[in-house]
Protein backbone atom coordinates (compact mmCIF):
# COMPACT_ATOMS: atom_id res chain seq x y z
CA MET A 1 184.81 176.43 29.14
CA GLY A 2 182.32 178.31 26.97
CA GLN A 3 181.15 181.87 27.60
CA ALA A 4 177.82 180.55 28.88
CA GLU A 5 179.71 179.21 31.90
CA TRP A 6 181.76 182.33 32.60
CA VAL A 7 181.11 184.21 35.83
CA THR A 8 179.22 187.50 35.46
CA VAL A 9 180.69 190.42 37.40
CA PRO A 10 178.09 193.09 38.29
CA ILE A 11 180.03 196.14 37.12
CA SER A 12 179.34 198.93 34.62
CA THR A 13 181.52 201.16 32.48
CA ARG A 14 179.79 204.05 34.29
CA ASP A 15 180.53 202.99 37.87
CA VAL A 16 183.52 205.32 37.96
CA GLU A 17 183.28 208.97 36.96
CA GLY A 18 186.39 209.78 34.96
CA PRO A 19 189.42 207.74 33.94
CA ILE A 20 190.40 204.24 34.97
CA PHE A 21 193.35 203.66 32.65
CA PHE A 22 194.28 207.18 31.56
CA SER A 23 195.70 209.86 33.80
CA GLN A 24 193.47 212.93 33.92
CA GLU A 25 195.82 214.75 31.52
CA GLU A 26 195.74 211.83 29.06
CA TRP A 27 191.94 211.66 29.35
CA ASP A 28 191.65 215.37 28.54
CA THR A 29 193.99 215.05 25.56
CA VAL A 30 192.20 212.03 24.08
CA GLU A 31 188.83 213.70 24.63
CA ALA A 32 190.04 216.82 22.79
CA ALA A 33 191.45 214.73 19.90
CA THR A 34 188.25 212.70 19.48
CA ALA A 35 186.29 215.96 19.49
CA ARG A 36 188.21 217.04 16.38
CA ILE A 37 187.61 213.69 14.66
CA ILE A 38 183.83 213.83 15.27
CA PRO A 39 183.32 217.50 16.11
CA THR A 40 180.30 219.14 17.64
CA ASP A 41 178.38 221.14 15.04
CA HIS A 42 174.61 221.18 14.52
CA HIS A 43 174.75 217.68 15.98
CA PRO A 44 176.48 216.46 19.17
CA GLY A 45 179.96 215.05 18.63
CA ALA A 46 182.44 212.71 20.28
CA ARG A 47 182.75 214.86 23.37
CA GLU A 48 179.03 214.69 24.14
CA ALA A 49 178.95 210.97 23.33
CA LYS A 50 181.69 210.34 25.91
CA VAL A 51 183.88 208.57 23.38
CA VAL A 52 186.87 209.08 25.66
CA ARG A 53 185.18 206.91 28.30
CA PHE A 54 184.67 204.14 25.73
CA ILE A 55 188.38 204.24 24.87
CA ASP A 56 189.46 204.39 28.52
CA ARG A 57 187.36 201.37 29.46
CA MET A 58 188.65 199.45 26.44
CA LEU A 59 192.20 200.06 27.65
CA ALA A 60 191.48 199.43 31.35
CA GLY A 61 191.98 195.66 31.18
CA THR A 62 189.88 192.61 30.43
CA GLN A 63 186.89 193.48 32.61
CA PHE A 64 185.03 195.37 29.87
CA VAL A 65 185.44 193.04 26.90
CA PHE A 66 182.34 190.82 26.87
CA PRO A 67 179.10 192.21 28.35
CA ALA A 68 176.67 189.71 29.83
CA ALA A 69 173.82 188.70 27.53
CA ASP A 70 171.27 190.53 29.67
CA GLY A 71 173.31 193.73 29.50
CA ILE A 72 173.86 193.73 33.26
CA GLY A 73 177.45 193.11 34.22
CA TRP A 74 180.43 191.70 32.32
CA LEU A 75 181.84 188.24 31.81
CA ARG A 76 185.03 187.48 33.67
CA MET A 77 187.68 185.91 31.47
CA GLU A 78 190.20 183.48 32.84
CA GLY A 79 193.10 181.39 31.65
CA ARG A 80 194.24 181.57 28.05
CA GLU A 81 191.38 183.80 26.95
CA GLU A 82 192.34 186.42 29.50
CA GLN A 83 196.03 186.13 28.70
CA ALA A 84 195.40 186.63 24.98
CA TRP A 85 193.27 189.70 25.62
CA GLN A 86 195.78 191.12 28.08
CA GLU A 87 198.42 190.96 25.38
CA ARG A 88 196.18 192.73 22.86
CA ILE A 89 195.23 195.41 25.34
CA ALA A 90 198.83 195.92 26.46
CA LEU A 91 199.78 196.77 22.88
CA ARG A 92 196.96 199.31 22.62
CA GLN A 93 197.86 200.78 26.00
CA SER A 94 201.41 201.33 24.78
CA LEU A 95 200.22 202.92 21.53
CA TYR A 96 197.92 205.32 23.36
CA SER A 97 200.49 206.27 26.00
CA SER A 98 203.14 207.08 23.42
CA GLY A 99 200.63 208.61 21.01
CA VAL A 100 199.16 211.02 23.54
CA LYS A 101 202.66 212.08 24.54
CA GLU A 102 203.50 212.70 20.89
CA LEU A 103 200.39 214.85 20.47
CA ASP A 104 201.52 217.05 23.33
CA ASP A 105 205.14 217.12 22.14
CA ILE A 106 204.06 218.30 18.67
CA ALA A 107 201.67 220.85 20.18
CA VAL A 108 204.33 222.32 22.47
CA ASP A 109 206.93 222.36 19.70
CA ARG A 110 204.65 224.12 17.19
CA PHE A 111 202.39 226.25 19.35
CA GLY A 112 204.00 226.46 22.79
CA GLN A 113 201.37 224.62 24.82
CA ARG A 114 199.73 221.25 25.33
CA PHE A 115 197.19 219.89 22.85
CA VAL A 116 194.15 220.58 25.04
CA GLY A 117 195.01 224.28 25.23
CA LEU A 118 195.08 224.83 21.47
CA GLU A 119 192.41 226.30 19.23
CA GLY A 120 190.54 223.87 16.98
CA ASP A 121 192.51 224.69 13.83
CA GLN A 122 195.77 224.31 15.74
CA GLN A 123 194.65 220.92 17.07
CA ASP A 124 193.81 219.92 13.50
CA ALA A 125 197.33 220.90 12.45
CA VAL A 126 198.79 218.66 15.17
CA LEU A 127 196.60 215.77 14.06
CA GLU A 128 197.67 216.32 10.47
CA THR A 129 201.31 216.13 11.58
CA ILE A 130 200.91 212.93 13.56
CA SER A 131 198.82 211.30 10.82
CA GLY A 132 201.14 212.40 8.01
CA ARG A 133 198.14 213.40 5.91
CA PRO A 134 196.02 216.51 5.37
CA LYS A 135 192.70 216.91 7.15
CA PRO A 136 189.98 215.06 5.21
CA THR A 137 187.65 217.20 3.15
CA PRO A 138 183.87 216.98 3.71
CA PHE A 139 182.55 213.62 2.61
CA SER A 140 180.98 213.36 -0.82
CA PHE A 141 179.37 210.31 -2.38
CA ASP A 142 180.77 211.49 -5.70
CA ALA A 143 184.38 211.39 -4.53
CA PRO A 144 184.87 209.20 -1.43
CA ASP A 145 188.67 209.15 -1.67
CA ASP A 146 189.62 209.05 2.00
CA ASP A 147 188.25 207.12 4.94
CA GLY A 148 190.28 209.12 7.46
CA LEU A 149 192.22 206.12 8.73
CA GLY A 150 195.59 207.29 7.51
CA GLY A 151 196.20 205.35 4.36
CA ALA A 152 193.44 202.87 3.67
CA PRO A 153 191.34 203.46 0.55
CA ALA A 154 187.76 204.53 1.09
CA GLY A 155 185.54 201.73 2.33
CA ASN A 156 188.45 199.53 3.40
CA GLN A 157 187.98 199.80 7.14
CA PRO A 158 190.54 197.56 8.85
CA VAL A 159 189.33 194.18 10.00
CA ASN A 160 191.92 193.80 12.76
CA GLU A 161 192.83 196.87 14.78
CA ASP A 162 195.80 195.11 16.39
CA PHE A 163 197.99 196.15 13.46
CA LEU A 164 197.10 199.85 13.38
CA ASP A 165 199.36 202.69 14.41
CA PHE A 166 198.19 205.22 16.96
CA PHE A 167 196.35 207.71 14.77
CA PRO A 168 194.29 205.25 12.67
CA LEU A 169 193.55 203.35 15.88
CA LEU A 170 192.33 206.57 17.48
CA VAL A 171 190.09 207.31 14.48
CA LEU A 172 188.63 203.80 14.48
CA ASN A 173 188.05 203.80 18.24
CA THR A 174 186.39 207.21 18.01
CA ARG A 175 183.94 205.82 15.48
CA GLN A 176 183.35 202.75 17.62
CA GLY A 177 182.76 204.79 20.76
CA PHE A 178 180.32 207.06 18.96
CA TYR A 179 178.17 204.32 17.45
CA ALA A 180 178.62 201.23 19.65
CA ASP A 181 176.04 200.05 22.16
CA PRO A 182 176.08 202.39 25.21
CA VAL A 183 176.94 199.44 27.46
CA TYR A 184 180.57 199.84 26.30
CA GLY A 185 180.82 203.32 27.79
CA GLY A 186 180.35 205.59 24.77
CA ASN A 187 177.31 206.67 22.75
CA GLU A 188 176.07 208.53 25.83
CA ASN A 189 172.30 208.97 25.78
CA ARG A 190 172.38 207.12 22.43
CA ILE A 191 173.71 210.28 20.81
CA GLY A 192 175.53 208.48 18.00
CA TRP A 193 172.42 206.58 17.00
CA ALA A 194 170.25 209.71 17.13
CA VAL A 195 172.61 211.53 14.77
CA ILE A 196 172.03 208.92 12.05
CA GLY A 197 168.33 208.48 12.78
CA PHE A 198 168.66 205.00 14.29
CA ASP A 199 166.45 204.23 17.27
CA GLY A 200 168.64 201.35 18.41
CA PRO A 201 167.77 198.50 20.75
CA PRO A 202 166.32 199.56 24.12
CA THR A 203 168.74 197.22 25.90
CA LEU A 204 171.53 194.87 24.95
CA LYS A 205 169.33 192.01 26.18
CA SER A 206 166.75 192.81 23.50
CA THR A 207 169.34 192.06 20.81
CA MET A 208 169.96 188.64 22.34
CA ASP A 209 166.41 187.44 23.04
CA GLY A 210 164.99 188.44 19.65
CA SER A 211 162.62 191.11 20.98
CA TYR A 212 164.41 193.83 18.97
CA THR A 213 164.55 193.76 15.18
CA THR A 214 165.88 196.02 12.46
CA LYS A 215 163.38 194.82 9.84
CA LYS A 216 161.86 198.27 9.49
CA TYR A 217 165.17 199.49 8.08
CA MET A 218 165.26 196.79 5.41
CA LEU A 219 163.87 196.79 1.89
CA PRO A 220 162.17 193.39 1.54
CA ASP A 221 162.29 193.35 -2.26
CA ALA A 222 165.81 194.72 -2.60
CA GLU A 223 168.42 192.52 -4.24
CA TRP A 224 172.17 192.81 -4.10
CA PRO A 225 173.87 191.74 -7.34
CA TYR A 226 176.35 189.63 -5.42
CA GLU A 227 177.53 187.68 -8.44
CA ARG A 228 178.53 190.89 -10.25
CA HIS A 229 180.14 192.68 -7.31
CA PRO A 230 183.77 193.72 -8.09
CA GLU A 231 185.10 192.18 -4.86
CA VAL A 232 183.54 188.85 -5.82
CA LEU A 233 184.67 188.94 -9.43
CA ARG A 234 188.16 189.78 -8.30
CA TYR A 235 188.64 186.27 -6.91
CA ARG A 236 186.88 184.41 -9.71
CA ARG A 237 188.97 182.36 -12.04
CA PRO A 238 188.62 183.23 -15.75
């Protein structure tokens, strides 16, 4: 049965105030960690964008996987599709549960209190420990040598998050929650889009029915030298 025939359940990621999957302590810890990954400065950060809610709803089960095309409600999966997603989500649930515990264990061991009670630089030190890498330096187009995902070269964002460890998964999900459509629970008040100067679609439906377009962001006469791109040439036979 195709998605067009799936039942739509009239629920929203915002129906519940607070956690569905996380305990309140886990919620607070994840929120604090995401706020160090995309901190609040002269722009709002992950905390204001409610990234933690995006992550919580992602982990809550299969009810918030596929939004309905009109942006109202979510498609209910059944059978093999649901089973496959349950398995994927169960792995992520396990990674987050153990990862959040490890954050607190490191924080208590090094600084004598849980992660949420630490100062920002102390939280950064805990994240450095769990990632096994130093805190990334400010981004520069001249030297983009780190994408912050704990090992992947710059620009090589993972295609499949099912094979990530806790910290790179947390970084990726923080980015997703900051920039994804608000229907998924994050990007509160379209904060992530505003930070990068993107107006975004007014509704998810407008991306499906063709009423929203991104043409104004495109350069009509621009050309991409596809044939000479290194990633293309790499797979060419001599």
